[in-house]
Amino acid sequence: MLGNLTGWHLLIVFGVVILLFGATKLPALARSVGQSMRILRTEVATAEKDDEPTAT
């Protein structure tokens, strides 16, 4: 589905995102996405650690 996207498509999508959110809000948006990914990564690691069987 996404295999036929070219550089022009990405430029158009990027331009639309800038028009919708504005250049001033993009750094805050990227920061919040990064924090969400970091939280998700730690939660997944914690869940995997909890799922490991303990050797007794």
N, C-alpha and C. Protein backbone atom coordinates (compact mmCIF):
# COMPACT_ATOMS: atom_id res chain seq x y z
N MET A 1 0.82 -1.19 0.00
CA MET A 1 0.00 0.00 0.00
C MET A 1 0.87 1.26 0.00
N LEU A 2 1.90 1.28 0.84
CA LEU A 2 2.74 2.46 0.90
C LEU A 2 3.99 2.32 0.04
N GLY A 3 4.12 1.24 -0.71
CA GLY A 3 5.31 0.98 -1.49
C GLY A 3 5.50 1.92 -2.65
N ASN A 4 4.45 2.53 -3.14
CA ASN A 4 4.60 3.39 -4.32
C ASN A 4 4.66 4.88 -3.97
N LEU A 5 4.98 5.22 -2.74
CA LEU A 5 5.16 6.62 -2.37
C LEU A 5 6.53 7.09 -2.84
N THR A 6 6.59 8.28 -3.37
CA THR A 6 7.85 8.85 -3.82
C THR A 6 8.21 10.04 -2.95
N GLY A 7 9.33 10.65 -3.26
CA GLY A 7 9.77 11.82 -2.51
C GLY A 7 8.81 12.97 -2.61
N TRP A 8 8.16 13.11 -3.77
CA TRP A 8 7.20 14.19 -3.93
C TRP A 8 6.00 14.01 -3.01
N HIS A 9 5.56 12.78 -2.84
CA HIS A 9 4.43 12.52 -1.93
C HIS A 9 4.79 12.91 -0.51
N LEU A 10 6.01 12.54 -0.09
CA LEU A 10 6.44 12.89 1.27
C LEU A 10 6.56 14.39 1.46
N LEU A 11 7.03 15.10 0.44
CA LEU A 11 7.11 16.56 0.53
C LEU A 11 5.73 17.18 0.66
N ILE A 12 4.77 16.67 -0.06
CA ILE A 12 3.40 17.20 0.01
C ILE A 12 2.81 16.93 1.39
N VAL A 13 3.01 15.73 1.90
CA VAL A 13 2.50 15.39 3.24
C VAL A 13 3.16 16.28 4.28
N PHE A 14 4.47 16.49 4.17
CA PHE A 14 5.18 17.36 5.10
C PHE A 14 4.64 18.79 5.04
N GLY A 15 4.38 19.28 3.83
CA GLY A 15 3.82 20.62 3.68
C GLY A 15 2.44 20.75 4.31
N VAL A 16 1.61 19.73 4.15
CA VAL A 16 0.27 19.75 4.75
C VAL A 16 0.38 19.74 6.27
N VAL A 17 1.30 18.94 6.81
CA VAL A 17 1.48 18.90 8.27
C VAL A 17 1.90 20.27 8.79
N ILE A 18 2.81 20.92 8.09
CA ILE A 18 3.24 22.26 8.52
C ILE A 18 2.08 23.25 8.45
N LEU A 19 1.26 23.15 7.42
CA LEU A 19 0.12 24.05 7.32
C LEU A 19 -0.90 23.80 8.43
N LEU A 20 -1.11 22.53 8.77
CA LEU A 20 -2.10 22.21 9.80
C LEU A 20 -1.64 22.59 11.21
N PHE A 21 -0.42 22.23 11.54
CA PHE A 21 0.05 22.42 12.91
C PHE A 21 0.83 23.70 13.12
N GLY A 22 1.39 24.24 12.08
CA GLY A 22 2.20 25.44 12.21
C GLY A 22 3.61 25.08 12.65
N ALA A 23 4.55 25.89 12.23
CA ALA A 23 5.95 25.62 12.52
C ALA A 23 6.27 25.76 14.00
N THR A 24 5.51 26.53 14.72
CA THR A 24 5.82 26.73 16.14
C THR A 24 5.41 25.55 17.00
N LYS A 25 4.41 24.79 16.57
CA LYS A 25 3.94 23.67 17.37
C LYS A 25 4.64 22.35 17.06
N LEU A 26 5.36 22.29 15.94
CA LEU A 26 6.00 21.04 15.54
C LEU A 26 7.06 20.55 16.52
N PRO A 27 7.93 21.41 17.10
CA PRO A 27 8.89 20.89 18.08
C PRO A 27 8.22 20.30 19.32
N ALA A 28 7.17 20.92 19.78
CA ALA A 28 6.45 20.40 20.94
C ALA A 28 5.78 19.07 20.60
N LEU A 29 5.26 18.96 19.40
CA LEU A 29 4.64 17.72 18.95
C LEU A 29 5.67 16.61 18.88
N ALA A 30 6.83 16.89 18.32
CA ALA A 30 7.89 15.88 18.23
C ALA A 30 8.38 15.48 19.61
N ARG A 31 8.49 16.41 20.53
CA ARG A 31 8.93 16.12 21.89
C ARG A 31 7.93 15.20 22.60
N SER A 32 6.65 15.47 22.43
CA SER A 32 5.64 14.64 23.09
C SER A 32 5.59 13.24 22.50
N VAL A 33 5.80 13.13 21.18
CA VAL A 33 5.84 11.81 20.56
C VAL A 33 7.05 11.04 21.08
N GLY A 34 8.19 11.71 21.23
CA GLY A 34 9.39 11.06 21.76
C GLY A 34 9.20 10.59 23.19
N GLN A 35 8.56 11.40 24.01
CA GLN A 35 8.29 10.99 25.39
C GLN A 35 7.33 9.82 25.43
N SER A 36 6.34 9.82 24.57
CA SER A 36 5.39 8.70 24.54
C SER A 36 6.09 7.41 24.11
N MET A 37 6.97 7.50 23.13
CA MET A 37 7.71 6.31 22.69
C MET A 37 8.62 5.80 23.80
N ARG A 38 9.26 6.69 24.55
CA ARG A 38 10.12 6.29 25.65
C ARG A 38 9.32 5.59 26.74
N ILE A 39 8.15 6.11 27.06
CA ILE A 39 7.30 5.48 28.07
C ILE A 39 6.83 4.12 27.59
N LEU A 40 6.44 4.02 26.33
CA LEU A 40 6.00 2.74 25.77
C LEU A 40 7.13 1.71 25.83
N ARG A 41 8.34 2.12 25.47
CA ARG A 41 9.48 1.21 25.49
C ARG A 41 9.76 0.69 26.90
N THR A 42 9.69 1.57 27.91
CA THR A 42 9.95 1.11 29.28
C THR A 42 8.83 0.20 29.77
N GLU A 43 7.60 0.48 29.39
CA GLU A 43 6.49 -0.38 29.80
C GLU A 43 6.59 -1.76 29.16
N VAL A 44 6.99 -1.81 27.90
CA VAL A 44 7.14 -3.10 27.22
C VAL A 44 8.27 -3.90 27.87
N ALA A 45 9.37 -3.23 28.19
CA ALA A 45 10.50 -3.91 28.83
C ALA A 45 10.09 -4.43 30.21
N THR A 46 9.32 -3.66 30.95
CA THR A 46 8.85 -4.08 32.26
C THR A 46 7.91 -5.28 32.14
N ALA A 47 7.03 -5.24 31.15
CA ALA A 47 6.09 -6.35 30.96
C ALA A 47 6.83 -7.62 30.55
N GLU A 48 7.86 -7.48 29.71
CA GLU A 48 8.64 -8.67 29.31
C GLU A 48 9.41 -9.22 30.49
N LYS A 49 9.90 -8.35 31.35
CA LYS A 49 10.65 -8.79 32.53
C LYS A 49 9.71 -9.52 33.50
N ASP A 50 8.49 -9.04 33.60
CA ASP A 50 7.51 -9.67 34.49
C ASP A 50 7.06 -11.02 33.95
N ASP A 51 7.08 -11.21 32.63
CA ASP A 51 6.63 -12.45 32.03
C ASP A 51 7.68 -13.56 32.08
N GLU A 52 8.94 -13.22 32.34
CA GLU A 52 9.98 -14.24 32.38
C GLU A 52 9.77 -15.15 33.59
N PRO A 53 9.89 -16.46 33.37
CA PRO A 53 9.76 -17.38 34.51
C PRO A 53 10.99 -17.28 35.42
N THR A 54 10.75 -17.38 36.70
CA THR A 54 11.85 -17.33 37.65
C THR A 54 12.33 -18.74 37.93
N ALA A 55 13.64 -18.91 37.98
CA ALA A 55 14.22 -20.24 38.23
C ALA A 55 14.31 -20.44 39.74
N THR A 56 13.56 -21.41 40.24
CA THR A 56 13.60 -21.71 41.68
C THR A 56 13.96 -23.15 41.91
